[in-house]
N, C-alpha and C. Protein backbone atom coordinates (compact mmCIF):
# COMPACT_ATOMS: atom_id res chain seq x y z
N MET A 1 0.83 -1.15 -0.04
CA MET A 1 -0.02 0.04 0.05
C MET A 1 0.90 1.23 0.05
N CYS A 2 0.55 2.20 -0.84
CA CYS A 2 1.32 3.43 -0.89
C CYS A 2 1.06 4.23 0.37
N TRP A 3 2.02 4.81 0.94
CA TRP A 3 1.90 5.66 2.17
C TRP A 3 1.19 7.08 1.80
N LYS A 4 1.34 7.38 0.61
CA LYS A 4 0.85 8.79 0.28
C LYS A 4 -0.60 8.75 -0.30
N CYS A 5 -0.87 7.86 -1.25
CA CYS A 5 -2.26 7.86 -1.81
C CYS A 5 -3.14 6.69 -1.33
N LYS A 6 -2.52 5.73 -0.48
CA LYS A 6 -3.18 4.63 0.09
C LYS A 6 -3.76 3.65 -1.00
N ASN A 7 -3.12 3.71 -2.25
CA ASN A 7 -3.36 2.73 -3.25
C ASN A 7 -2.74 1.48 -3.03
N ASN A 8 -3.51 0.37 -3.10
CA ASN A 8 -2.94 -1.03 -3.01
C ASN A 8 -1.88 -1.20 -4.12
N ILE A 9 -0.77 -1.67 -3.68
CA ILE A 9 0.32 -1.99 -4.60
C ILE A 9 0.48 -3.48 -4.83
N GLU A 10 0.50 -3.89 -5.95
CA GLU A 10 0.69 -5.32 -6.33
C GLU A 10 2.12 -5.56 -6.90
N ILE A 11 3.15 -5.31 -6.05
CA ILE A 11 4.48 -5.50 -6.49
C ILE A 11 5.11 -6.52 -5.64
N GLU A 12 5.73 -7.57 -6.09
CA GLU A 12 6.36 -8.62 -5.32
C GLU A 12 7.42 -8.05 -4.38
N THR A 13 8.49 -7.39 -5.15
CA THR A 13 9.59 -6.95 -4.45
C THR A 13 9.62 -5.36 -4.71
N ILE A 14 9.88 -4.65 -3.50
CA ILE A 14 10.04 -3.18 -3.72
C ILE A 14 11.55 -2.89 -3.71
N SER A 15 12.06 -2.26 -4.79
CA SER A 15 13.49 -1.92 -4.89
C SER A 15 13.55 -0.46 -4.59
N ARG A 16 14.75 0.03 -4.51
CA ARG A 16 15.00 1.43 -4.15
C ARG A 16 14.31 2.42 -5.24
N THR A 17 14.19 1.92 -6.40
CA THR A 17 13.62 2.84 -7.45
C THR A 17 12.10 2.56 -7.69
N SER A 18 11.47 1.73 -6.91
CA SER A 18 10.18 1.50 -7.10
C SER A 18 9.20 2.73 -6.75
N GLU A 19 8.22 2.95 -7.60
CA GLU A 19 7.24 4.06 -7.33
C GLU A 19 5.88 3.62 -7.33
N CYS A 20 5.01 4.29 -6.77
CA CYS A 20 3.51 4.05 -6.77
C CYS A 20 3.05 4.33 -8.21
N PRO A 21 2.41 3.42 -8.79
CA PRO A 21 1.84 3.70 -10.19
C PRO A 21 0.87 4.79 -10.33
N VAL A 22 0.22 5.18 -9.21
CA VAL A 22 -0.82 6.18 -9.19
C VAL A 22 -0.27 7.58 -8.89
N CYS A 23 0.44 7.77 -7.80
CA CYS A 23 0.88 9.14 -7.34
C CYS A 23 2.44 9.29 -7.57
N HIS A 24 3.13 8.26 -7.95
CA HIS A 24 4.63 8.25 -8.13
C HIS A 24 5.46 8.60 -6.93
N ALA A 25 4.84 8.31 -5.80
CA ALA A 25 5.68 8.44 -4.61
C ALA A 25 6.66 7.24 -4.46
N ASP A 26 7.80 7.57 -3.83
CA ASP A 26 8.86 6.55 -3.66
C ASP A 26 8.36 5.50 -2.72
N LEU A 27 8.45 4.19 -3.03
CA LEU A 27 7.98 3.14 -2.08
C LEU A 27 8.98 2.67 -1.13
N HIS A 28 10.23 2.75 -1.49
CA HIS A 28 11.37 2.30 -0.58
C HIS A 28 11.74 3.52 0.20
N SER A 29 10.79 3.95 1.15
CA SER A 29 11.07 5.13 1.98
C SER A 29 10.63 4.85 3.34
N CYS A 30 11.10 5.73 4.24
CA CYS A 30 10.75 5.48 5.68
C CYS A 30 9.24 5.47 5.84
N ARG A 31 8.56 6.22 5.25
CA ARG A 31 6.99 6.41 5.34
C ARG A 31 6.34 5.01 4.96
N ASN A 32 7.00 4.22 4.14
CA ASN A 32 6.29 2.99 3.77
C ASN A 32 7.00 1.78 4.40
N CYS A 33 7.77 2.04 5.49
CA CYS A 33 8.57 1.00 6.15
C CYS A 33 7.71 0.59 7.44
N LYS A 34 7.79 -0.73 7.70
CA LYS A 34 7.15 -1.13 8.91
C LYS A 34 7.73 -0.66 10.19
N PHE A 35 8.95 -0.29 10.11
CA PHE A 35 9.71 0.25 11.29
C PHE A 35 9.59 1.70 11.54
N TYR A 36 9.02 2.38 10.70
CA TYR A 36 8.77 3.89 10.74
C TYR A 36 7.90 4.22 11.93
N SER A 37 8.38 4.96 12.85
CA SER A 37 7.56 5.30 14.10
C SER A 37 8.02 6.68 14.57
N PRO A 38 7.33 7.64 14.14
CA PRO A 38 7.69 9.08 14.67
C PRO A 38 7.79 9.10 16.24
N GLY A 39 8.81 9.72 16.64
CA GLY A 39 8.94 9.82 18.01
C GLY A 39 10.11 8.78 18.56
N CYS A 40 10.28 7.80 17.88
CA CYS A 40 11.46 6.88 18.21
C CYS A 40 12.80 7.55 17.77
N HIS A 41 13.91 6.97 18.22
CA HIS A 41 15.22 7.41 17.72
C HIS A 41 15.27 7.36 16.20
N PHE A 42 15.55 8.48 15.67
CA PHE A 42 15.59 8.63 14.18
C PHE A 42 14.22 8.21 13.43
N ASP A 43 13.10 8.30 14.31
CA ASP A 43 11.79 7.86 13.83
C ASP A 43 11.77 6.46 13.26
N CYS A 44 12.52 5.67 13.93
CA CYS A 44 12.67 4.17 13.46
C CYS A 44 12.81 3.26 14.66
N ARG A 45 12.10 2.17 14.64
CA ARG A 45 12.04 1.18 15.68
C ARG A 45 13.28 0.26 15.51
N GLU A 46 13.99 0.26 14.49
CA GLU A 46 15.16 -0.45 14.22
C GLU A 46 16.36 0.34 14.70
N ASN A 47 17.42 -0.33 15.13
CA ASN A 47 18.58 0.32 15.59
C ASN A 47 19.49 0.70 14.37
N ILE A 48 19.18 1.93 13.79
CA ILE A 48 19.98 2.35 12.69
C ILE A 48 20.95 3.36 13.07
N ASP A 49 22.14 3.37 12.33
CA ASP A 49 23.26 4.31 12.73
C ASP A 49 23.11 5.73 12.19
N GLU A 50 22.39 5.92 11.13
CA GLU A 50 22.30 7.24 10.46
C GLU A 50 20.87 7.68 10.40
N ASN A 51 20.61 8.93 10.61
CA ASN A 51 19.31 9.54 10.43
C ASN A 51 18.97 9.65 8.90
N ILE A 52 17.86 9.29 8.41
CA ILE A 52 17.44 9.58 7.11
C ILE A 52 16.55 10.78 7.26
N VAL A 53 17.07 11.93 6.65
CA VAL A 53 16.46 13.16 6.80
C VAL A 53 14.99 13.25 6.12
N ASP A 54 14.95 12.90 4.88
CA ASP A 54 13.69 12.96 4.16
C ASP A 54 12.98 11.62 4.23
N LYS A 55 12.07 11.47 5.10
CA LYS A 55 11.37 10.17 5.27
C LYS A 55 10.45 9.80 4.10
N GLU A 56 10.21 10.69 3.18
CA GLU A 56 9.24 10.47 2.01
C GLU A 56 10.03 10.10 0.76
N ARG A 57 11.31 10.13 0.68
CA ARG A 57 12.04 9.90 -0.47
C ARG A 57 12.72 8.55 -0.35
N ALA A 58 13.11 7.91 -1.48
CA ALA A 58 13.80 6.63 -1.56
C ALA A 58 15.15 6.72 -0.87
N ASN A 59 15.51 5.69 -0.18
CA ASN A 59 16.74 5.59 0.48
C ASN A 59 17.49 4.21 0.40
N PHE A 60 18.60 4.09 0.98
CA PHE A 60 19.40 2.87 0.87
C PHE A 60 19.30 2.09 2.22
N CYS A 61 18.35 2.34 3.05
CA CYS A 61 18.33 1.71 4.35
C CYS A 61 18.30 0.14 4.22
N ASP A 62 19.15 -0.45 4.91
CA ASP A 62 19.11 -1.87 4.89
C ASP A 62 18.04 -2.49 5.76
N ALA A 63 17.52 -1.71 6.81
CA ALA A 63 16.52 -2.27 7.67
C ALA A 63 15.11 -2.15 6.97
N PHE A 64 15.00 -1.56 5.80
CA PHE A 64 13.63 -1.38 5.23
C PHE A 64 13.02 -2.71 5.04
N MET A 65 11.66 -2.75 5.64
CA MET A 65 10.73 -3.79 5.28
C MET A 65 9.36 -3.16 4.97
N VAL A 66 8.74 -3.53 3.91
CA VAL A 66 7.53 -2.89 3.45
C VAL A 66 6.43 -3.07 4.58
N LYS A 67 5.68 -2.03 4.83
CA LYS A 67 4.63 -2.04 5.83
C LYS A 67 3.46 -2.85 5.27
N ARG A 68 3.05 -3.80 5.98
CA ARG A 68 1.91 -4.69 5.56
C ARG A 68 0.94 -4.72 6.74
N GLY A 69 -0.37 -5.07 6.53
CA GLY A 69 -1.23 -5.28 7.60
C GLY A 69 -1.69 -4.09 8.28
N PHE A 70 -2.08 -2.93 7.63
CA PHE A 70 -2.37 -1.68 8.19
C PHE A 70 -3.48 -1.88 9.12
N ASN A 71 -3.51 -1.15 10.31
CA ASN A 71 -4.53 -1.32 11.25
C ASN A 71 -5.65 -0.17 11.19
N GLY A 72 -5.22 1.04 10.96
CA GLY A 72 -6.13 2.13 10.98
C GLY A 72 -7.09 2.16 9.72
N ALA A 73 -8.23 2.75 9.86
CA ALA A 73 -9.26 2.86 8.83
C ALA A 73 -8.70 3.60 7.62
N ASP A 74 -7.77 4.46 7.87
CA ASP A 74 -7.13 5.17 6.72
C ASP A 74 -5.84 4.63 6.20
N GLY A 75 -5.56 3.38 6.66
CA GLY A 75 -4.32 2.83 6.17
C GLY A 75 -3.07 3.03 6.91
N ILE A 76 -3.23 3.79 8.02
CA ILE A 76 -2.00 4.16 8.86
C ILE A 76 -2.22 3.40 10.11
N ASN A 77 -1.02 3.00 10.71
CA ASN A 77 -1.05 2.33 12.08
C ASN A 77 -1.70 3.28 13.04
N SER A 78 -2.51 2.77 13.84
CA SER A 78 -3.18 3.60 14.87
C SER A 78 -2.09 4.27 15.87
N SER A 79 -2.43 5.34 16.45
CA SER A 79 -1.59 5.97 17.37
C SER A 79 -1.34 5.14 18.61
N ALA A 80 -2.35 4.41 19.03
CA ALA A 80 -2.03 3.54 20.11
C ALA A 80 -0.97 2.49 19.94
N ASP A 81 -1.04 1.91 18.72
CA ASP A 81 -0.03 0.93 18.32
C ASP A 81 1.43 1.63 18.19
N ASP A 82 1.46 2.85 17.73
CA ASP A 82 2.67 3.69 17.57
C ASP A 82 3.28 3.91 19.02
N LYS A 83 2.43 4.32 19.93
CA LYS A 83 2.82 4.58 21.24
C LYS A 83 3.34 3.33 21.98
N LYS A 84 2.63 2.19 21.68
CA LYS A 84 3.06 0.96 22.37
C LYS A 84 4.45 0.57 21.81
N ALA A 85 4.58 0.63 20.49
CA ALA A 85 5.90 0.28 19.85
C ALA A 85 7.03 1.19 20.38
N ALA A 86 6.73 2.50 20.39
CA ALA A 86 7.69 3.47 20.93
C ALA A 86 8.16 3.23 22.35
N ALA A 87 7.11 2.85 23.22
CA ALA A 87 7.44 2.55 24.62
C ALA A 87 8.33 1.31 24.65
N LYS A 88 8.05 0.39 23.95
CA LYS A 88 8.82 -0.90 23.91
C LYS A 88 10.20 -0.67 23.47
N SER A 89 10.31 0.20 22.39
CA SER A 89 11.66 0.48 21.84
C SER A 89 12.50 1.24 22.88
N ALA A 90 11.95 2.22 23.53
CA ALA A 90 12.56 2.92 24.53
C ALA A 90 13.01 2.15 25.67
N PHE A 91 12.25 1.16 26.14
CA PHE A 91 12.52 0.19 27.21
C PHE A 91 13.65 -0.64 26.75
N ASP A 92 13.60 -1.21 25.57
CA ASP A 92 14.72 -2.03 25.12
C ASP A 92 15.95 -1.38 25.03
N ALA A 93 15.89 -0.02 24.44
CA ALA A 93 17.15 0.67 24.38
C ALA A 93 17.66 1.04 25.74
N LEU A 94 16.87 1.27 26.63
CA LEU A 94 17.34 1.65 28.05
C LEU A 94 18.03 0.57 28.75
N PHE A 95 17.50 -0.70 28.49
CA PHE A 95 18.12 -1.90 29.15
C PHE A 95 19.00 -2.79 28.26
N GLY A 96 19.30 -2.30 27.09
CA GLY A 96 20.20 -2.92 26.19
C GLY A 96 19.61 -4.24 25.69
N ILE A 97 18.30 -4.33 25.51
CA ILE A 97 17.74 -5.73 25.04
C ILE A 97 17.73 -5.63 23.50
């Protein structure tokens, strides 16, 4: 699913150059990644070394995994899920888990 227009994408593998066929948004971007979580370190639940400044543009992040199984009615994870994930990430980081 495209993070920008919410169009269902029927692509097996998303490469760095993949774009949404409807709105042409980059698909290999933070906004389309299952680890994207505003408020976490670098807005990511994965332990990444460098901040990706433009979360909407294609990037070379090795941790990228396409977001699947959206929970919210508008195709975006609910804020409760985001808060839960952010709290778990902060706990894990604090205790080195």
